[in-house]
């Protein structure tokens, strides 16, 4: 069973749940997986089999109810959210922590006009990307188009006022700061700090 006690044994989960109040605006630095084209059957992309992450800094909001948020944005009380598209809520931590394939995810939300991500650099196979590799990443990366879910469109919401959940795996969180506190994932932060980007 996915209990709160099990989840709270994870240092990052414990720190965020016990420190950050629901609805708090936070600054989050995290690793975002970079999707790239392989370059066809011949794998023309030199980094086709590399593990590539972008170090991103965003302003987000933590842990409120998706159902309530959609209703508030739509000025309604009719919306009810269904099951998660993937994973499941940890018992006792609904709206806060998701368990998916053995990994914990913190449920953040993008904030309109405030959650423009700032790129701080890239990691290739766990080290800082070279200038040449960054050029390759920019050439081959896939930019995913964002869309408003149909369930929100039915409530009259658009890209201008929709609700944007952003679950982030705790293993990819580097720094979460807000509400008067700063939470650091030291194992990742050490690698990023060597890049001189200032997580």
C-alpha atoms as a PDB file:
ATOM      1  CA  UNK A   1       0.000   0.000   0.000  1.00  0.00           C
ATOM      2  CA  UNK A   2       1.237   3.470  -0.921  1.00  0.00           C
ATOM      3  CA  UNK A   3       1.045   5.007   2.527  1.00  0.00           C
ATOM      4  CA  UNK A   4       2.127   8.400   3.736  1.00  0.00           C
ATOM      5  CA  UNK A   5       4.572   6.740   6.141  1.00  0.00           C
ATOM      6  CA  UNK A   6       6.411   5.094   3.250  1.00  0.00           C
ATOM      7  CA  UNK A   7       6.540   8.316   1.246  1.00  0.00           C
ATOM      8  CA  UNK A   8       7.730  10.373   4.188  1.00  0.00           C
ATOM      9  CA  UNK A   9      10.870   8.225   4.425  1.00  0.00           C
ATOM     10  CA  UNK A  10      12.019  10.065   1.290  1.00  0.00           C
ATOM     11  CA  UNK A  11      13.957  13.124   2.468  1.00  0.00           C
ATOM     12  CA  UNK A  12      12.689  15.495  -0.223  1.00  0.00           C
ATOM     13  CA  UNK A  13       9.052  14.399   0.176  1.00  0.00           C
ATOM     14  CA  UNK A  14       9.288  14.768   3.945  1.00  0.00           C
ATOM     15  CA  UNK A  15      10.886  18.215   3.761  1.00  0.00           C
ATOM     16  CA  UNK A  16       8.406  19.623   1.228  1.00  0.00           C
ATOM     17  CA  UNK A  17       5.261  18.190   2.823  1.00  0.00           C
ATOM     18  CA  UNK A  18       6.256  19.290   6.324  1.00  0.00           C
ATOM     19  CA  UNK A  19       7.646  22.698   5.364  1.00  0.00           C
ATOM     20  CA  UNK A  20       5.788  24.149   2.370  1.00  0.00           C
ATOM     21  CA  UNK A  21       2.183  25.167   2.957  1.00  0.00           C
ATOM     22  CA  UNK A  22      -0.448  24.227   0.378  1.00  0.00           C
ATOM     23  CA  UNK A  23      -0.921  27.004  -2.168  1.00  0.00           C
ATOM     24  CA  UNK A  24       2.505  28.550  -1.542  1.00  0.00           C
ATOM     25  CA  UNK A  25       4.314  30.147  -4.479  1.00  0.00           C
ATOM     26  CA  UNK A  26       7.757  28.595  -4.748  1.00  0.00           C
ATOM     27  CA  UNK A  27      10.843  28.872  -6.903  1.00  0.00           C
ATOM     28  CA  UNK A  28      11.791  25.428  -8.201  1.00  0.00           C
ATOM     29  CA  UNK A  29      15.027  24.386  -9.867  1.00  0.00           C
ATOM     30  CA  UNK A  30      14.798  20.927 -11.412  1.00  0.00           C
ATOM     31  CA  UNK A  31      16.036  18.591 -14.125  1.00  0.00           C
ATOM     32  CA  UNK A  32      13.770  18.331 -17.153  1.00  0.00           C
ATOM     33  CA  UNK A  33      14.268  15.369 -19.488  1.00  0.00           C
ATOM     34  CA  UNK A  34      15.138  16.563 -22.982  1.00  0.00           C
ATOM     35  CA  UNK A  35      13.412  14.693 -25.810  1.00  0.00           C
ATOM     36  CA  UNK A  36      15.294  14.604 -29.086  1.00  0.00           C
ATOM     37  CA  UNK A  37      14.841  13.137 -32.540  1.00  0.00           C
ATOM     38  CA  UNK A  38      17.064  10.134 -33.134  1.00  0.00           C
ATOM     39  CA  UNK A  39      17.934  11.250 -36.637  1.00  0.00           C
ATOM     40  CA  UNK A  40      16.263   8.418 -38.521  1.00  0.00           C
ATOM     41  CA  UNK A  41      17.298   4.777 -38.711  1.00  0.00           C
ATOM     42  CA  UNK A  42      20.928   5.785 -39.046  1.00  0.00           C
ATOM     43  CA  UNK A  43      20.741   7.720 -35.787  1.00  0.00           C
ATOM     44  CA  UNK A  44      22.258  10.877 -37.233  1.00  0.00           C
ATOM     45  CA  UNK A  45      21.851  12.640 -33.885  1.00  0.00           C
ATOM     46  CA  UNK A  46      25.245  12.152 -32.149  1.00  0.00           C
ATOM     47  CA  UNK A  47      23.472  12.194 -28.773  1.00  0.00           C
ATOM     48  CA  UNK A  48      20.701   9.786 -29.749  1.00  0.00           C
ATOM     49  CA  UNK A  49      21.481   7.360 -26.900  1.00  0.00           C
ATOM     50  CA  UNK A  50      22.635   9.912 -24.304  1.00  0.00           C
ATOM     51  CA  UNK A  51      20.718  10.846 -21.159  1.00  0.00           C
ATOM     52  CA  UNK A  52      20.144  14.576 -21.514  1.00  0.00           C
ATOM     53  CA  UNK A  53      18.559  16.875 -18.936  1.00  0.00           C
ATOM     54  CA  UNK A  54      17.982  20.622 -18.925  1.00  0.00           C
ATOM     55  CA  UNK A  55      18.438  22.491 -15.659  1.00  0.00           C
ATOM     56  CA  UNK A  56      15.316  24.666 -15.397  1.00  0.00           C
ATOM     57  CA  UNK A  57      14.213  27.321 -12.919  1.00  0.00           C
ATOM     58  CA  UNK A  58      10.477  28.115 -12.651  1.00  0.00           C
ATOM     59  CA  UNK A  59       8.043  29.902 -10.375  1.00  0.00           C
ATOM     60  CA  UNK A  60       5.325  27.422  -9.414  1.00  0.00           C
ATOM     61  CA  UNK A  61       2.552  26.865  -6.881  1.00  0.00           C
ATOM     62  CA  UNK A  62       2.389  23.844  -4.616  1.00  0.00           C
ATOM     63  CA  UNK A  63      -0.180  21.277  -3.729  1.00  0.00           C
ATOM     64  CA  UNK A  64      -3.726  22.621  -4.101  1.00  0.00           C
ATOM     65  CA  UNK A  65      -6.799  20.778  -5.393  1.00  0.00           C
ATOM     66  CA  UNK A  66      -7.041  20.417  -9.179  1.00  0.00           C
ATOM     67  CA  UNK A  67     -10.832  20.191  -8.996  1.00  0.00           C
ATOM     68  CA  UNK A  68     -11.135  23.355  -6.921  1.00  0.00           C
ATOM     69  CA  UNK A  69      -8.687  25.202  -9.158  1.00  0.00           C
ATOM     70  CA  UNK A  70     -10.604  24.406 -12.356  1.00  0.00           C
ATOM     71  CA  UNK A  71     -13.899  25.409 -10.719  1.00  0.00           C
ATOM     72  CA  UNK A  72     -12.371  28.655  -9.465  1.00  0.00           C
ATOM     73  CA  UNK A  73     -10.953  29.510 -12.877  1.00  0.00           C
ATOM     74  CA  UNK A  74     -14.255  28.660 -14.567  1.00  0.00           C
ATOM     75  CA  UNK A  75     -16.360  30.360 -11.883  1.00  0.00           C
ATOM     76  CA  UNK A  76     -18.267  27.120 -11.452  1.00  0.00           C
ATOM     77  CA  UNK A  77     -18.915  24.248  -9.068  1.00  0.00           C
ATOM     78  CA  UNK A  78     -19.651  21.633 -11.738  1.00  0.00           C
ATOM     79  CA  UNK A  79     -16.189  20.308 -12.562  1.00  0.00           C
ATOM     80  CA  UNK A  80     -15.002  17.059 -11.013  1.00  0.00           C
ATOM     81  CA  UNK A  81     -11.630  15.604 -11.899  1.00  0.00           C
ATOM     82  CA  UNK A  82     -11.239  11.953 -12.822  1.00  0.00           C
ATOM     83  CA  UNK A  83      -8.363   9.594 -12.160  1.00  0.00           C
ATOM     84  CA  UNK A  84      -4.782  10.677 -12.629  1.00  0.00           C
ATOM     85  CA  UNK A  85      -3.534  10.111 -16.201  1.00  0.00           C
ATOM     86  CA  UNK A  86      -0.664   8.103 -14.699  1.00  0.00           C
ATOM     87  CA  UNK A  87       0.407   7.003 -11.236  1.00  0.00           C
ATOM     88  CA  UNK A  88      -1.675   7.199  -8.082  1.00  0.00           C
ATOM     89  CA  UNK A  89      -1.981   9.508  -5.114  1.00  0.00           C
ATOM     90  CA  UNK A  90      -0.105   8.481  -2.004  1.00  0.00           C
ATOM     91  CA  UNK A  91      -2.625   7.760   0.726  1.00  0.00           C
ATOM     92  CA  UNK A  92      -2.807  10.747   3.060  1.00  0.00           C
ATOM     93  CA  UNK A  93      -1.018  13.004   0.566  1.00  0.00           C
ATOM     94  CA  UNK A  94      -3.688  13.538  -2.088  1.00  0.00           C
ATOM     95  CA  UNK A  95      -3.065  16.682  -4.175  1.00  0.00           C
ATOM     96  CA  UNK A  96       0.534  16.658  -2.992  1.00  0.00           C
ATOM     97  CA  UNK A  97       2.432  13.456  -3.824  1.00  0.00           C
ATOM     98  CA  UNK A  98       2.032  10.912  -6.646  1.00  0.00           C
ATOM     99  CA  UNK A  99       3.678   7.471  -6.799  1.00  0.00           C
ATOM    100  CA  UNK A 100       4.501   6.190 -10.288  1.00  0.00           C
ATOM    101  CA  UNK A 101       6.653   3.144 -11.059  1.00  0.00           C
ATOM    102  CA  UNK A 102       8.339   3.340  -7.680  1.00  0.00           C
ATOM    103  CA  UNK A 103       9.157   7.053  -7.888  1.00  0.00           C
ATOM    104  CA  UNK A 104       7.551   9.948  -6.004  1.00  0.00           C
ATOM    105  CA  UNK A 105       6.363  13.094  -7.765  1.00  0.00           C
ATOM    106  CA  UNK A 106       5.445  16.412  -6.147  1.00  0.00           C
ATOM    107  CA  UNK A 107       2.352  18.011  -7.725  1.00  0.00           C
ATOM    108  CA  UNK A 108       3.159  21.617  -8.598  1.00  0.00           C
ATOM    109  CA  UNK A 109       1.168  23.979 -10.805  1.00  0.00           C
ATOM    110  CA  UNK A 110       2.322  26.497 -13.365  1.00  0.00           C
ATOM    111  CA  UNK A 111       1.279  30.076 -12.705  1.00  0.00           C
ATOM    112  CA  UNK A 112       0.045  32.084 -15.690  1.00  0.00           C
ATOM    113  CA  UNK A 113       2.445  34.860 -16.713  1.00  0.00           C
ATOM    114  CA  UNK A 114       4.880  33.795 -13.988  1.00  0.00           C
ATOM    115  CA  UNK A 115       5.974  30.241 -14.832  1.00  0.00           C
ATOM    116  CA  UNK A 116       8.210  30.989 -17.784  1.00  0.00           C
ATOM    117  CA  UNK A 117      11.045  28.522 -17.369  1.00  0.00           C
ATOM    118  CA  UNK A 118      14.605  29.816 -17.356  1.00  0.00           C
ATOM    119  CA  UNK A 119      17.214  27.448 -18.733  1.00  0.00           C
ATOM    120  CA  UNK A 120      20.332  27.267 -16.556  1.00  0.00           C
ATOM    121  CA  UNK A 121      22.239  24.702 -18.614  1.00  0.00           C
ATOM    122  CA  UNK A 122      22.301  21.047 -19.639  1.00  0.00           C
ATOM    123  CA  UNK A 123      23.589  17.759 -18.296  1.00  0.00           C
ATOM    124  CA  UNK A 124      24.699  14.966 -20.637  1.00  0.00           C
ATOM    125  CA  UNK A 125      25.128  11.587 -18.938  1.00  0.00           C
ATOM    126  CA  UNK A 126      25.452  13.296 -15.565  1.00  0.00           C
ATOM    127  CA  UNK A 127      28.014  15.978 -16.471  1.00  0.00           C
ATOM    128  CA  UNK A 128      27.837  19.513 -17.817  1.00  0.00           C
ATOM    129  CA  UNK A 129      27.188  19.645 -21.551  1.00  0.00           C
ATOM    130  CA  UNK A 130      29.923  21.016 -23.798  1.00  0.00           C
ATOM    131  CA  UNK A 131      29.272  23.911 -26.177  1.00  0.00           C
ATOM    132  CA  UNK A 132      29.235  21.439 -29.074  1.00  0.00           C
ATOM    133  CA  UNK A 133      26.701  19.220 -27.302  1.00  0.00           C
ATOM    134  CA  UNK A 134      24.439  22.207 -26.604  1.00  0.00           C
ATOM    135  CA  UNK A 135      24.412  22.958 -30.331  1.00  0.00           C
ATOM    136  CA  UNK A 136      23.423  19.340 -31.002  1.00  0.00           C
ATOM    137  CA  UNK A 137      20.670  19.512 -28.380  1.00  0.00           C
ATOM    138  CA  UNK A 138      19.247  22.691 -29.911  1.00  0.00           C
ATOM    139  CA  UNK A 139      19.323  21.092 -33.354  1.00  0.00           C
ATOM    140  CA  UNK A 140      17.636  17.808 -32.473  1.00  0.00           C
ATOM    141  CA  UNK A 141      15.405  18.502 -29.486  1.00  0.00           C
ATOM    142  CA  UNK A 142      11.651  18.041 -29.795  1.00  0.00           C
ATOM    143  CA  UNK A 143       9.572  20.991 -28.609  1.00  0.00           C
ATOM    144  CA  UNK A 144       6.349  19.608 -27.195  1.00  0.00           C
ATOM    145  CA  UNK A 145       3.222  21.610 -27.881  1.00  0.00           C
ATOM    146  CA  UNK A 146       1.116  22.349 -24.838  1.00  0.00           C
ATOM    147  CA  UNK A 147      -2.663  22.109 -25.031  1.00  0.00           C
ATOM    148  CA  UNK A 148      -5.678  22.715 -22.810  1.00  0.00           C
ATOM    149  CA  UNK A 149      -7.338  19.402 -21.789  1.00  0.00           C
ATOM    150  CA  UNK A 150     -10.788  18.824 -23.291  1.00  0.00           C
ATOM    151  CA  UNK A 151     -12.299  18.540 -19.803  1.00  0.00           C
ATOM    152  CA  UNK A 152     -11.175  22.116 -19.117  1.00  0.00           C
ATOM    153  CA  UNK A 153     -12.285  23.339 -22.541  1.00  0.00           C
ATOM    154  CA  UNK A 154     -15.750  22.030 -21.717  1.00  0.00           C
ATOM    155  CA  UNK A 155     -15.675  24.364 -18.716  1.00  0.00           C
ATOM    156  CA  UNK A 156     -14.898  27.286 -20.997  1.00  0.00           C
ATOM    157  CA  UNK A 157     -11.201  27.534 -20.137  1.00  0.00           C
ATOM    158  CA  UNK A 158      -8.498  28.328 -22.696  1.00  0.00           C
ATOM    159  CA  UNK A 159      -4.709  28.569 -22.741  1.00  0.00           C
ATOM    160  CA  UNK A 160      -5.132  31.998 -21.184  1.00  0.00           C
ATOM    161  CA  UNK A 161      -6.795  30.793 -17.981  1.00  0.00           C
ATOM    162  CA  UNK A 162      -6.519  26.997 -17.780  1.00  0.00           C
ATOM    163  CA  UNK A 163      -5.050  25.018 -14.858  1.00  0.00           C
ATOM    164  CA  UNK A 164      -1.609  23.560 -15.498  1.00  0.00           C
ATOM    165  CA  UNK A 165      -0.428  20.731 -13.227  1.00  0.00           C
ATOM    166  CA  UNK A 166       3.303  20.015 -13.319  1.00  0.00           C
ATOM    167  CA  UNK A 167       4.322  16.886 -11.388  1.00  0.00           C
ATOM    168  CA  UNK A 168       8.086  16.739 -10.848  1.00  0.00           C
ATOM    169  CA  UNK A 169       9.946  13.632  -9.726  1.00  0.00           C
ATOM    170  CA  UNK A 170      11.639  14.242  -6.373  1.00  0.00           C
ATOM    171  CA  UNK A 171      14.801  12.648  -7.757  1.00  0.00           C
ATOM    172  CA  UNK A 172      14.980  15.516 -10.261  1.00  0.00           C
ATOM    173  CA  UNK A 173      14.247  18.334  -7.831  1.00  0.00           C
ATOM    174  CA  UNK A 174      17.315  20.418  -7.056  1.00  0.00           C
ATOM    175  CA  UNK A 175      16.046  23.375  -5.026  1.00  0.00           C
ATOM    176  CA  UNK A 176      12.589  24.366  -3.766  1.00  0.00           C
ATOM    177  CA  UNK A 177      12.375  27.709  -2.016  1.00  0.00           C
ATOM    178  CA  UNK A 178       9.401  29.645  -0.754  1.00  0.00           C
ATOM    179  CA  UNK A 179       7.399  30.346   2.356  1.00  0.00           C
ATOM    180  CA  UNK A 180      10.546  31.413   4.145  1.00  0.00           C
ATOM    181  CA  UNK A 181      12.497  28.206   3.604  1.00  0.00           C
ATOM    182  CA  UNK A 182      14.869  26.586   1.118  1.00  0.00           C
ATOM    183  CA  UNK A 183      14.962  22.837   0.492  1.00  0.00           C
ATOM    184  CA  UNK A 184      17.999  21.446  -1.332  1.00  0.00           C
ATOM    185  CA  UNK A 185      18.537  18.030  -2.882  1.00  0.00           C
ATOM    186  CA  UNK A 186      22.244  17.925  -2.056  1.00  0.00           C
ATOM    187  CA  UNK A 187      23.170  14.991  -4.307  1.00  0.00           C
ATOM    188  CA  UNK A 188      22.012  16.791  -7.461  1.00  0.00           C
ATOM    189  CA  UNK A 189      22.859  20.294  -6.295  1.00  0.00           C
ATOM    190  CA  UNK A 190      26.555  19.393  -6.057  1.00  0.00           C
ATOM    191  CA  UNK A 191      26.626  18.468  -9.757  1.00  0.00           C
ATOM    192  CA  UNK A 192      24.731  21.604 -10.796  1.00  0.00           C
ATOM    193  CA  UNK A 193      26.825  23.913  -8.616  1.00  0.00           C
ATOM    194  CA  UNK A 194      29.947  22.708 -10.439  1.00  0.00           C
ATOM    195  CA  UNK A 195      28.364  24.117 -13.600  1.00  0.00           C
ATOM    196  CA  UNK A 196      28.411  27.537 -11.977  1.00  0.00           C
ATOM    197  CA  UNK A 197      24.741  28.191 -12.789  1.00  0.00           C
ATOM    198  CA  UNK A 198      23.652  28.893  -9.226  1.00  0.00           C
ATOM    199  CA  UNK A 199      20.671  26.602  -8.664  1.00  0.00           C
END
